[in-house]
């Protein structure tokens, strides 16, 4: 199970499947749009990763176009707990997907 939580008012939660909804806070919505997570990259720069969300029906466009989450805190959770925490540094929307760049 994987959950991405982006801080804000309201917070935004993205999951890969229904089972992962249990990782979200009880009163927060969880959008079942998470497609993939890149490996964590590090080296000469701060650790970072890319997260791909589904946008075929325009769900991400609706969530991010008017109120982008750039600069918001983001935490990626899996079955073992917190996997990565950072700041959303970029959001790229296309017709079928949305890519979030998160940097520690």
PDB file of N, CA and C in Angstrom:
ATOM      1  N   UNK A   1       0.839  -1.186   0.000  1.00  0.00           N
ATOM      2  CA  UNK A   1       0.000   0.000   0.000  1.00  0.00           C
ATOM      3  C   UNK A   1       0.879   1.241   0.000  1.00  0.00           C
ATOM      4  N   UNK A   2       0.490   2.223  -0.778  1.00  0.00           N
ATOM      5  CA  UNK A   2       1.231   3.475  -0.845  1.00  0.00           C
ATOM      6  C   UNK A   2       0.245   4.633  -0.782  1.00  0.00           C
ATOM      7  N   UNK A   3       0.593   5.654  -0.005  1.00  0.00           N
ATOM      8  CA  UNK A   3      -0.214   6.863   0.109  1.00  0.00           C
ATOM      9  C   UNK A   3       0.702   8.068   0.015  1.00  0.00           C
ATOM     10  N   UNK A   4       0.317   9.039  -0.790  1.00  0.00           N
ATOM     11  CA  UNK A   4       0.995  10.330  -0.846  1.00  0.00           C
ATOM     12  C   UNK A   4       0.069  11.342  -0.204  1.00  0.00           C
ATOM     13  N   UNK A   5       0.587  12.060   0.804  1.00  0.00           N
ATOM     14  CA  UNK A   5      -0.199  13.103   1.477  1.00  0.00           C
ATOM     15  C   UNK A   5       0.470  14.441   1.231  1.00  0.00           C
ATOM     16  N   UNK A   6      -0.298  15.369   0.666  1.00  0.00           N
ATOM     17  CA  UNK A   6       0.189  16.726   0.424  1.00  0.00           C
ATOM     18  C   UNK A   6      -0.543  17.646   1.389  1.00  0.00           C
ATOM     19  N   UNK A   7       0.225  18.357   2.205  1.00  0.00           N
ATOM     20  CA  UNK A   7      -0.357  19.246   3.207  1.00  0.00           C
ATOM     21  C   UNK A   7      -1.091  20.395   2.529  1.00  0.00           C
ATOM     22  N   UNK A   8      -2.102  20.890   3.188  1.00  0.00           N
ATOM     23  CA  UNK A   8      -2.855  22.026   2.681  1.00  0.00           C
ATOM     24  C   UNK A   8      -4.211  22.081   3.351  1.00  0.00           C
ATOM     25  N   UNK A   9      -5.027  22.989   2.896  1.00  0.00           N
ATOM     26  CA  UNK A   9      -6.371  23.112   3.446  1.00  0.00           C
ATOM     27  C   UNK A   9      -7.368  23.087   2.302  1.00  0.00           C
ATOM     28  N   UNK A  10      -7.856  21.915   1.945  1.00  0.00           N
ATOM     29  CA  UNK A  10      -7.678  20.636   2.650  1.00  0.00           C
ATOM     30  C   UNK A  10      -6.410  19.912   2.192  1.00  0.00           C
ATOM     31  N   UNK A  11      -5.972  18.969   3.014  1.00  0.00           N
ATOM     32  CA  UNK A  11      -4.858  18.105   2.624  1.00  0.00           C
ATOM     33  C   UNK A  11      -5.325  17.230   1.471  1.00  0.00           C
ATOM     34  N   UNK A  12      -4.394  16.831   0.627  1.00  0.00           N
ATOM     35  CA  UNK A  12      -4.716  15.961  -0.505  1.00  0.00           C
ATOM     36  C   UNK A  12      -4.004  14.635  -0.320  1.00  0.00           C
ATOM     37  N   UNK A  13      -4.751  13.552  -0.429  1.00  0.00           N
ATOM     38  CA  UNK A  13      -4.204  12.204  -0.296  1.00  0.00           C
ATOM     39  C   UNK A  13      -4.416  11.453  -1.604  1.00  0.00           C
ATOM     40  N   UNK A  14      -3.374  10.767  -2.058  1.00  0.00           N
ATOM     41  CA  UNK A  14      -3.452   9.989  -3.283  1.00  0.00           C
ATOM     42  C   UNK A  14      -3.002   8.563  -2.979  1.00  0.00           C
ATOM     43  N   UNK A  15      -3.795   7.599  -3.429  1.00  0.00           N
ATOM     44  CA  UNK A  15      -3.508   6.192  -3.170  1.00  0.00           C
ATOM     45  C   UNK A  15      -3.541   5.414  -4.477  1.00  0.00           C
ATOM     46  N   UNK A  16      -2.928   4.225  -4.447  1.00  0.00           N
ATOM     47  CA  UNK A  16      -2.925   3.366  -5.622  1.00  0.00           C
ATOM     48  C   UNK A  16      -4.172   2.485  -5.676  1.00  0.00           C
ATOM     49  N   UNK A  17      -4.668   2.076  -4.519  1.00  0.00           N
ATOM     50  CA  UNK A  17      -5.828   1.196  -4.477  1.00  0.00           C
ATOM     51  C   UNK A  17      -6.639   1.460  -3.204  1.00  0.00           C
ATOM     52  N   UNK A  18      -7.813   0.877  -3.146  1.00  0.00           N
ATOM     53  CA  UNK A  18      -8.718   1.112  -2.009  1.00  0.00           C
ATOM     54  C   UNK A  18      -8.110   0.739  -0.674  1.00  0.00           C
ATOM     55  N   UNK A  19      -7.345  -0.350  -0.660  1.00  0.00           N
ATOM     56  CA  UNK A  19      -6.763  -0.803   0.606  1.00  0.00           C
ATOM     57  C   UNK A  19      -5.879   0.276   1.229  1.00  0.00           C
ATOM     58  N   UNK A  20      -5.222   1.066   0.402  1.00  0.00           N
ATOM     59  CA  UNK A  20      -4.321   2.110   0.908  1.00  0.00           C
ATOM     60  C   UNK A  20      -5.074   3.280   1.543  1.00  0.00           C
ATOM     61  N   UNK A  21      -6.377   3.384   1.309  1.00  0.00           N
ATOM     62  CA  UNK A  21      -7.156   4.470   1.915  1.00  0.00           C
ATOM     63  C   UNK A  21      -7.082   4.435   3.438  1.00  0.00           C
ATOM     64  N   UNK A  22      -6.832   3.268   3.995  1.00  0.00           N
ATOM     65  CA  UNK A  22      -6.742   3.147   5.453  1.00  0.00           C
ATOM     66  C   UNK A  22      -5.548   3.914   6.013  1.00  0.00           C
ATOM     67  N   UNK A  23      -4.569   4.257   5.164  1.00  0.00           N
ATOM     68  CA  UNK A  23      -3.411   5.029   5.613  1.00  0.00           C
ATOM     69  C   UNK A  23      -3.733   6.524   5.760  1.00  0.00           C
ATOM     70  N   UNK A  24      -4.816   6.983   5.138  1.00  0.00           N
ATOM     71  CA  UNK A  24      -5.200   8.405   5.190  1.00  0.00           C
ATOM     72  C   UNK A  24      -5.834   8.732   6.531  1.00  0.00           C
ATOM     73  N   UNK A  25      -5.784  10.004   6.887  1.00  0.00           N
ATOM     74  CA  UNK A  25      -6.472  10.467   8.088  1.00  0.00           C
ATOM     75  C   UNK A  25      -7.969  10.204   7.911  1.00  0.00           C
ATOM     76  N   UNK A  26      -8.678   9.854   8.979  1.00  0.00           N
ATOM     77  CA  UNK A  26     -10.095   9.451   8.867  1.00  0.00           C
ATOM     78  C   UNK A  26     -11.019  10.441   8.157  1.00  0.00           C
ATOM     79  N   UNK A  27     -10.841  11.733   8.357  1.00  0.00           N
ATOM     80  CA  UNK A  27     -11.777  12.701   7.780  1.00  0.00           C
ATOM     81  C   UNK A  27     -11.269  13.330   6.482  1.00  0.00           C
ATOM     82  N   UNK A  28     -10.205  12.784   5.904  1.00  0.00           N
ATOM     83  CA  UNK A  28      -9.644  13.333   4.675  1.00  0.00           C
ATOM     84  C   UNK A  28      -9.959  12.432   3.487  1.00  0.00           C
ATOM     85  N   UNK A  29     -10.250  13.052   2.355  1.00  0.00           N
ATOM     86  CA  UNK A  29     -10.510  12.290   1.135  1.00  0.00           C
ATOM     87  C   UNK A  29      -9.210  11.672   0.627  1.00  0.00           C
ATOM     88  N   UNK A  30      -9.332  10.526  -0.006  1.00  0.00           N
ATOM     89  CA  UNK A  30      -8.184   9.859  -0.624  1.00  0.00           C
ATOM     90  C   UNK A  30      -8.544   9.570  -2.076  1.00  0.00           C
ATOM     91  N   UNK A  31      -7.821  10.185  -2.998  1.00  0.00           N
ATOM     92  CA  UNK A  31      -8.078  10.022  -4.423  1.00  0.00           C
ATOM     93  C   UNK A  31      -7.299   8.809  -4.940  1.00  0.00           C
ATOM     94  N   UNK A  32      -7.983   7.905  -5.595  1.00  0.00           N
ATOM     95  CA  UNK A  32      -7.361   6.677  -6.097  1.00  0.00           C
ATOM     96  C   UNK A  32      -6.767   6.949  -7.488  1.00  0.00           C
ATOM     97  N   UNK A  33      -5.692   7.748  -7.516  1.00  0.00           N
ATOM     98  CA  UNK A  33      -5.084   8.189  -8.765  1.00  0.00           C
ATOM     99  C   UNK A  33      -3.593   7.869  -8.868  1.00  0.00           C
ATOM    100  N   UNK A  34      -2.998   7.345  -7.824  1.00  0.00           N
ATOM    101  CA  UNK A  34      -1.550   7.100  -7.801  1.00  0.00           C
ATOM    102  C   UNK A  34      -1.192   5.983  -8.777  1.00  0.00           C
ATOM    103  N   UNK A  35      -0.300   6.277  -9.712  1.00  0.00           N
ATOM    104  CA  UNK A  35       0.120   5.297 -10.719  1.00  0.00           C
ATOM    105  C   UNK A  35       1.496   4.738 -10.386  1.00  0.00           C
ATOM    106  N   UNK A  36       2.448   5.618 -10.056  1.00  0.00           N
ATOM    107  CA  UNK A  36       3.801   5.131  -9.800  1.00  0.00           C
ATOM    108  C   UNK A  36       4.650   6.108  -9.028  1.00  0.00           C
ATOM    109  N   UNK A  37       5.714   5.566  -8.455  1.00  0.00           N
ATOM    110  CA  UNK A  37       6.674   6.353  -7.681  1.00  0.00           C
ATOM    111  C   UNK A  37       8.072   5.956  -8.158  1.00  0.00           C
ATOM    112  N   UNK A  38       8.886   6.935  -8.516  1.00  0.00           N
ATOM    113  CA  UNK A  38      10.243   6.638  -8.956  1.00  0.00           C
ATOM    114  C   UNK A  38      11.095   6.221  -7.756  1.00  0.00           C
ATOM    115  N   UNK A  39      12.228   5.596  -8.019  1.00  0.00           N
ATOM    116  CA  UNK A  39      13.166   5.367  -6.917  1.00  0.00           C
ATOM    117  C   UNK A  39      13.649   6.717  -6.370  1.00  0.00           C
ATOM    118  N   UNK A  40      14.027   6.737  -5.112  1.00  0.00           N
ATOM    119  CA  UNK A  40      14.555   7.966  -4.513  1.00  0.00           C
ATOM    120  C   UNK A  40      15.924   8.233  -5.129  1.00  0.00           C
ATOM    121  N   UNK A  41      16.088   9.450  -5.654  1.00  0.00           N
ATOM    122  CA  UNK A  41      17.362   9.841  -6.274  1.00  0.00           C
ATOM    123  C   UNK A  41      18.119  10.725  -5.286  1.00  0.00           C
ATOM    124  N   UNK A  42      19.427  10.507  -5.195  1.00  0.00           N
ATOM    125  CA  UNK A  42      20.264  11.363  -4.353  1.00  0.00           C
ATOM    126  C   UNK A  42      21.649  11.395  -4.965  1.00  0.00           C
ATOM    127  N   UNK A  43      22.514  12.104  -4.358  1.00  0.00           N
ATOM    128  CA  UNK A  43      23.864  12.249  -4.884  1.00  0.00           C
ATOM    129  C   UNK A  43      24.385  13.615  -4.511  1.00  0.00           C
ATOM    130  N   UNK A  44      24.729  14.424  -5.528  1.00  0.00           N
ATOM    131  CA  UNK A  44      25.243  15.765  -5.285  1.00  0.00           C
ATOM    132  C   UNK A  44      24.151  16.755  -4.891  1.00  0.00           C
ATOM    133  N   UNK A  45      22.904  16.338  -5.011  1.00  0.00           N
ATOM    134  CA  UNK A  45      21.786  17.220  -4.701  1.00  0.00           C
ATOM    135  C   UNK A  45      20.957  16.623  -3.585  1.00  0.00           C
ATOM    136  N   UNK A  46      19.933  17.354  -3.156  1.00  0.00           N
ATOM    137  CA  UNK A  46      19.018  16.815  -2.149  1.00  0.00           C
ATOM    138  C   UNK A  46      18.287  15.613  -2.719  1.00  0.00           C
ATOM    139  N   UNK A  47      17.934  14.689  -1.864  1.00  0.00           N
ATOM    140  CA  UNK A  47      17.167  13.519  -2.307  1.00  0.00           C
ATOM    141  C   UNK A  47      15.844  13.992  -2.904  1.00  0.00           C
ATOM    142  N   UNK A  48      15.402  13.307  -3.960  1.00  0.00           N
ATOM    143  CA  UNK A  48      14.144  13.671  -4.602  1.00  0.00           C
ATOM    144  C   UNK A  48      13.534  12.462  -5.279  1.00  0.00           C
ATOM    145  N   UNK A  49      12.273  12.590  -5.631  1.00  0.00           N
ATOM    146  CA  UNK A  49      11.591  11.535  -6.373  1.00  0.00           C
ATOM    147  C   UNK A  49      10.462  12.138  -7.183  1.00  0.00           C
ATOM    148  N   UNK A  50       9.969  11.354  -8.144  1.00  0.00           N
ATOM    149  CA  UNK A  50       8.842  11.753  -8.984  1.00  0.00           C
ATOM    150  C   UNK A  50       7.674  10.832  -8.684  1.00  0.00           C
ATOM    151  N   UNK A  51       6.489  11.407  -8.678  1.00  0.00           N
ATOM    152  CA  UNK A  51       5.270  10.641  -8.432  1.00  0.00           C
ATOM    153  C   UNK A  51       4.332  10.896  -9.607  1.00  0.00           C
ATOM    154  N   UNK A  52       3.823   9.821 -10.183  1.00  0.00           N
ATOM    155  CA  UNK A  52       2.912   9.941 -11.321  1.00  0.00           C
ATOM    156  C   UNK A  52       1.489   9.631 -10.882  1.00  0.00           C
ATOM    157  N   UNK A  53       0.591  10.539 -11.240  1.00  0.00           N
ATOM    158  CA  UNK A  53      -0.830  10.385 -10.947  1.00  0.00           C
ATOM    159  C   UNK A  53      -1.599  10.287 -12.263  1.00  0.00           C
ATOM    160  N   UNK A  54      -2.710   9.602 -12.242  1.00  0.00           N
ATOM    161  CA  UNK A  54      -3.592   9.461 -13.395  1.00  0.00           C
ATOM    162  C   UNK A  54      -4.358  10.763 -13.613  1.00  0.00           C
ATOM    163  N   UNK A  55      -4.481  11.179 -14.882  1.00  0.00           N
ATOM    164  CA  UNK A  55      -5.217  12.406 -15.183  1.00  0.00           C
ATOM    165  C   UNK A  55      -6.125  12.226 -16.399  1.00  0.00           C
ATOM    166  N   UNK A  56      -6.416  10.979 -16.772  1.00  0.00           N
ATOM    167  CA  UNK A  56      -7.193  10.704 -17.986  1.00  0.00           C
ATOM    168  C   UNK A  56      -8.553  11.394 -17.984  1.00  0.00           C
ATOM    169  N   UNK A  57      -9.193  11.480 -16.856  1.00  0.00           N
ATOM    170  CA  UNK A  57     -10.503  12.139 -16.777  1.00  0.00           C
ATOM    171  C   UNK A  57     -10.382  13.578 -16.270  1.00  0.00           C
ATOM    172  N   UNK A  58      -9.159  14.091 -16.191  1.00  0.00           N
ATOM    173  CA  UNK A  58      -8.949  15.472 -15.769  1.00  0.00           C
ATOM    174  C   UNK A  58      -9.010  15.711 -14.271  1.00  0.00           C
ATOM    175  N   UNK A  59      -8.954  14.636 -13.464  1.00  0.00           N
ATOM    176  CA  UNK A  59      -9.073  14.798 -12.012  1.00  0.00           C
ATOM    177  C   UNK A  59      -7.927  15.638 -11.447  1.00  0.00           C
ATOM    178  N   UNK A  60      -6.703  15.346 -11.869  1.00  0.00           N
ATOM    179  CA  UNK A  60      -5.554  16.110 -11.345  1.00  0.00           C
ATOM    180  C   UNK A  60      -5.589  17.550 -11.831  1.00  0.00           C
ATOM    181  N   UNK A  61      -5.996  17.738 -13.071  1.00  0.00           N
ATOM    182  CA  UNK A  61      -6.106  19.109 -13.583  1.00  0.00           C
ATOM    183  C   UNK A  61      -7.053  19.908 -12.705  1.00  0.00           C
ATOM    184  N   UNK A  62      -8.168  19.292 -12.328  1.00  0.00           N
ATOM    185  CA  UNK A  62      -9.140  19.978 -11.468  1.00  0.00           C
ATOM    186  C   UNK A  62      -8.560  20.263 -10.086  1.00  0.00           C
ATOM    187  N   UNK A  63      -7.762  19.346  -9.555  1.00  0.00           N
ATOM    188  CA  UNK A  63      -7.206  19.520  -8.213  1.00  0.00           C
ATOM    189  C   UNK A  63      -6.051  20.519  -8.172  1.00  0.00           C
ATOM    190  N   UNK A  64      -5.220  20.546  -9.226  1.00  0.00           N
ATOM    191  CA  UNK A  64      -3.995  21.343  -9.172  1.00  0.00           C
ATOM    192  C   UNK A  64      -3.996  22.615 -10.016  1.00  0.00           C
ATOM    193  N   UNK A  65      -4.829  22.710 -11.026  1.00  0.00           N
ATOM    194  CA  UNK A  65      -4.768  23.865 -11.920  1.00  0.00           C
ATOM    195  C   UNK A  65      -5.118  25.170 -11.208  1.00  0.00           C
ATOM    196  N   UNK A  66      -6.157  25.154 -10.403  1.00  0.00           N
ATOM    197  CA  UNK A  66      -6.586  26.376  -9.716  1.00  0.00           C
ATOM    198  C   UNK A  66      -5.809  26.634  -8.432  1.00  0.00           C
ATOM    199  N   UNK A  67      -5.426  25.550  -7.737  1.00  0.00           N
ATOM    200  CA  UNK A  67      -4.697  25.703  -6.477  1.00  0.00           C
ATOM    201  C   UNK A  67      -3.505  24.751  -6.461  1.00  0.00           C
ATOM    202  N   UNK A  68      -2.441  25.085  -7.183  1.00  0.00           N
ATOM    203  CA  UNK A  68      -1.285  24.188  -7.222  1.00  0.00           C
ATOM    204  C   UNK A  68      -0.661  24.030  -5.836  1.00  0.00           C
ATOM    205  N   UNK A  69      -0.089  22.872  -5.617  1.00  0.00           N
ATOM    206  CA  UNK A  69       0.506  22.561  -4.311  1.00  0.00           C
ATOM    207  C   UNK A  69       2.013  22.778  -4.292  1.00  0.00           C
ATOM    208  N   UNK A  70       2.548  23.553  -5.222  1.00  0.00           N
ATOM    209  CA  UNK A  70       3.988  23.800  -5.210  1.00  0.00           C
ATOM    210  C   UNK A  70       4.369  24.497  -3.913  1.00  0.00           C
ATOM    211  N   UNK A  71       5.408  23.980  -3.283  1.00  0.00           N
ATOM    212  CA  UNK A  71       5.857  24.518  -2.002  1.00  0.00           C
ATOM    213  C   UNK A  71       5.221  23.843  -0.801  1.00  0.00           C
ATOM    214  N   UNK A  72       4.260  22.972  -1.037  1.00  0.00           N
ATOM    215  CA  UNK A  72       3.590  22.277   0.076  1.00  0.00           C
ATOM    216  C   UNK A  72       4.409  21.071   0.536  1.00  0.00           C
ATOM    217  N   UNK A  73       4.282  20.760   1.802  1.00  0.00           N
ATOM    218  CA  UNK A  73       4.940  19.564   2.345  1.00  0.00           C
ATOM    219  C   UNK A  73       4.242  18.318   1.804  1.00  0.00           C
ATOM    220  N   UNK A  74       5.042  17.308   1.467  1.00  0.00           N
ATOM    221  CA  UNK A  74       4.501  16.046   0.959  1.00  0.00           C
ATOM    222  C   UNK A  74       5.188  14.894   1.675  1.00  0.00           C
ATOM    223  N   UNK A  75       4.402  13.880   2.029  1.00  0.00           N
ATOM    224  CA  UNK A  75       4.950  12.696   2.693  1.00  0.00           C
ATOM    225  C   UNK A  75       4.427  11.464   1.970  1.00  0.00           C
ATOM    226  N   UNK A  76       5.333  10.550   1.666  1.00  0.00           N
ATOM    227  CA  UNK A  76       4.984   9.290   1.027  1.00  0.00           C
ATOM    228  C   UNK A  76       5.049   8.197   2.077  1.00  0.00           C
ATOM    229  N   UNK A  77       3.945   7.461   2.225  1.00  0.00           N
ATOM    230  CA  UNK A  77       3.860   6.379   3.202  1.00  0.00           C
ATOM    231  C   UNK A  77       3.704   5.047   2.483  1.00  0.00           C
ATOM    232  N   UNK A  78       4.220   3.990   3.102  1.00  0.00           N
ATOM    233  CA  UNK A  78       3.934   2.635   2.645  1.00  0.00           C
ATOM    234  C   UNK A  78       3.576   1.801   3.863  1.00  0.00           C
ATOM    235  N   UNK A  79       3.505   0.488   3.690  1.00  0.00           N
ATOM    236  CA  UNK A  79       3.105  -0.394   4.793  1.00  0.00           C
ATOM    237  C   UNK A  79       3.982  -0.230   6.033  1.00  0.00           C
ATOM    238  N   UNK A  80       5.249   0.116   5.835  1.00  0.00           N
ATOM    239  CA  UNK A  80       6.183   0.224   6.950  1.00  0.00           C
ATOM    240  C   UNK A  80       6.143   1.594   7.628  1.00  0.00           C
ATOM    241  N   UNK A  81       5.420   2.555   7.047  1.00  0.00           N
ATOM    242  CA  UNK A  81       5.366   3.894   7.624  1.00  0.00           C
ATOM    243  C   UNK A  81       5.872   4.938   6.646  1.00  0.00           C
ATOM    244  N   UNK A  82       6.455   6.013   7.168  1.00  0.00           N
ATOM    245  CA  UNK A  82       6.933   7.101   6.322  1.00  0.00           C
ATOM    246  C   UNK A  82       8.134   6.641   5.498  1.00  0.00           C
ATOM    247  N   UNK A  83       8.032   6.810   4.174  1.00  0.00           N
ATOM    248  CA  UNK A  83       9.114   6.391   3.276  1.00  0.00           C
ATOM    249  C   UNK A  83       9.949   7.576   2.812  1.00  0.00           C
ATOM    250  N   UNK A  84       9.308   8.745   2.612  1.00  0.00           N
ATOM    251  CA  UNK A  84      10.007   9.923   2.109  1.00  0.00           C
ATOM    252  C   UNK A  84       9.202  11.161   2.474  1.00  0.00           C
ATOM    253  N   UNK A  85       9.890  12.234   2.839  1.00  0.00           N
ATOM    254  CA  UNK A  85       9.229  13.504   3.137  1.00  0.00           C
ATOM    255  C   UNK A  85       9.985  14.626   2.444  1.00  0.00           C
ATOM    256  N   UNK A  86       9.240  15.568   1.906  1.00  0.00           N
ATOM    257  CA  UNK A  86       9.879  16.688   1.226  1.00  0.00           C
ATOM    258  C   UNK A  86       8.871  17.756   0.865  1.00  0.00           C
ATOM    259  N   UNK A  87       9.238  18.559  -0.126  1.00  0.00           N
ATOM    260  CA  UNK A  87       8.429  19.676  -0.597  1.00  0.00           C
ATOM    261  C   UNK A  87       8.123  19.453  -2.078  1.00  0.00           C
ATOM    262  N   UNK A  88       6.883  19.709  -2.483  1.00  0.00           N
ATOM    263  CA  UNK A  88       6.527  19.631  -3.898  1.00  0.00           C
ATOM    264  C   UNK A  88       7.205  20.802  -4.607  1.00  0.00           C
ATOM    265  N   UNK A  89       8.097  20.487  -5.555  1.00  0.00           N
ATOM    266  CA  UNK A  89       8.841  21.539  -6.246  1.00  0.00           C
ATOM    267  C   UNK A  89       8.326  21.812  -7.651  1.00  0.00           C
ATOM    268  N   UNK A  90       7.590  20.850  -8.233  1.00  0.00           N
ATOM    269  CA  UNK A  90       7.055  21.048  -9.585  1.00  0.00           C
ATOM    270  C   UNK A  90       5.867  20.129  -9.809  1.00  0.00           C
ATOM    271  N   UNK A  91       4.940  20.612 -10.620  1.00  0.00           N
ATOM    272  CA  UNK A  91       3.772  19.824 -11.031  1.00  0.00           C
ATOM    273  C   UNK A  91       3.653  19.979 -12.538  1.00  0.00           C
ATOM    274  N   UNK A  92       3.645  18.852 -13.245  1.00  0.00           N
ATOM    275  CA  UNK A  92       3.501  18.868 -14.694  1.00  0.00           C
ATOM    276  C   UNK A  92       2.221  18.128 -15.065  1.00  0.00           C
ATOM    277  N   UNK A  93       1.300  18.839 -15.688  1.00  0.00           N
ATOM    278  CA  UNK A  93       0.021  18.247 -16.100  1.00  0.00           C
ATOM    279  C   UNK A  93       0.054  17.946 -17.592  1.00  0.00           C
ATOM    280  N   UNK A  94      -0.433  16.762 -17.966  1.00  0.00           N
ATOM    281  CA  UNK A  94      -0.641  16.429 -19.370  1.00  0.00           C
ATOM    282  C   UNK A  94      -2.036  15.853 -19.502  1.00  0.00           C
ATOM    283  N   UNK A  95      -2.415  15.483 -20.705  1.00  0.00           N
ATOM    284  CA  UNK A  95      -3.773  14.989 -20.938  1.00  0.00           C
ATOM    285  C   UNK A  95      -4.075  13.716 -20.164  1.00  0.00           C
ATOM    286  N   UNK A  96      -3.065  12.865 -19.966  1.00  0.00           N
ATOM    287  CA  UNK A  96      -3.335  11.578 -19.315  1.00  0.00           C
ATOM    288  C   UNK A  96      -2.636  11.361 -17.987  1.00  0.00           C
ATOM    289  N   UNK A  97      -1.708  12.257 -17.630  1.00  0.00           N
ATOM    290  CA  UNK A  97      -1.007  12.052 -16.359  1.00  0.00           C
ATOM    291  C   UNK A  97      -0.609  13.380 -15.730  1.00  0.00           C
ATOM    292  N   UNK A  98      -0.190  13.266 -14.486  1.00  0.00           N
ATOM    293  CA  UNK A  98       0.299  14.415 -13.719  1.00  0.00           C
ATOM    294  C   UNK A  98       1.547  13.925 -13.004  1.00  0.00           C
ATOM    295  N   UNK A  99       2.633  14.672 -13.112  1.00  0.00           N
ATOM    296  CA  UNK A  99       3.868  14.291 -12.447  1.00  0.00           C
ATOM    297  C   UNK A  99       4.208  15.337 -11.381  1.00  0.00           C
ATOM    298  N   UNK A 100       4.430  14.861 -10.172  1.00  0.00           N
ATOM    299  CA  UNK A 100       4.836  15.724  -9.064  1.00  0.00           C
ATOM    300  C   UNK A 100       6.297  15.455  -8.759  1.00  0.00           C
ATOM    301  N   UNK A 101       7.078  16.495  -8.631  1.00  0.00           N
ATOM    302  CA  UNK A 101       8.471  16.367  -8.209  1.00  0.00           C
ATOM    303  C   UNK A 101       8.528  16.759  -6.736  1.00  0.00           C
ATOM    304  N   UNK A 102       9.112  15.896  -5.923  1.00  0.00           N
ATOM    305  CA  UNK A 102       9.208  16.142  -4.483  1.00  0.00           C
ATOM    306  C   UNK A 102      10.681  16.081  -4.095  1.00  0.00           C
ATOM    307  N   UNK A 103      11.154  17.097  -3.389  1.00  0.00           N
ATOM    308  CA  UNK A 103      12.564  17.191  -2.990  1.00  0.00           C
ATOM    309  C   UNK A 103      12.655  17.328  -1.484  1.00  0.00           C
ATOM    310  N   UNK A 104      13.627  16.618  -0.880  1.00  0.00           N
ATOM    311  CA  UNK A 104      13.782  16.692   0.577  1.00  0.00           C
ATOM    312  C   UNK A 104      14.440  17.980   0.994  1.00  0.00           C
TER     313      UNK A 104
END
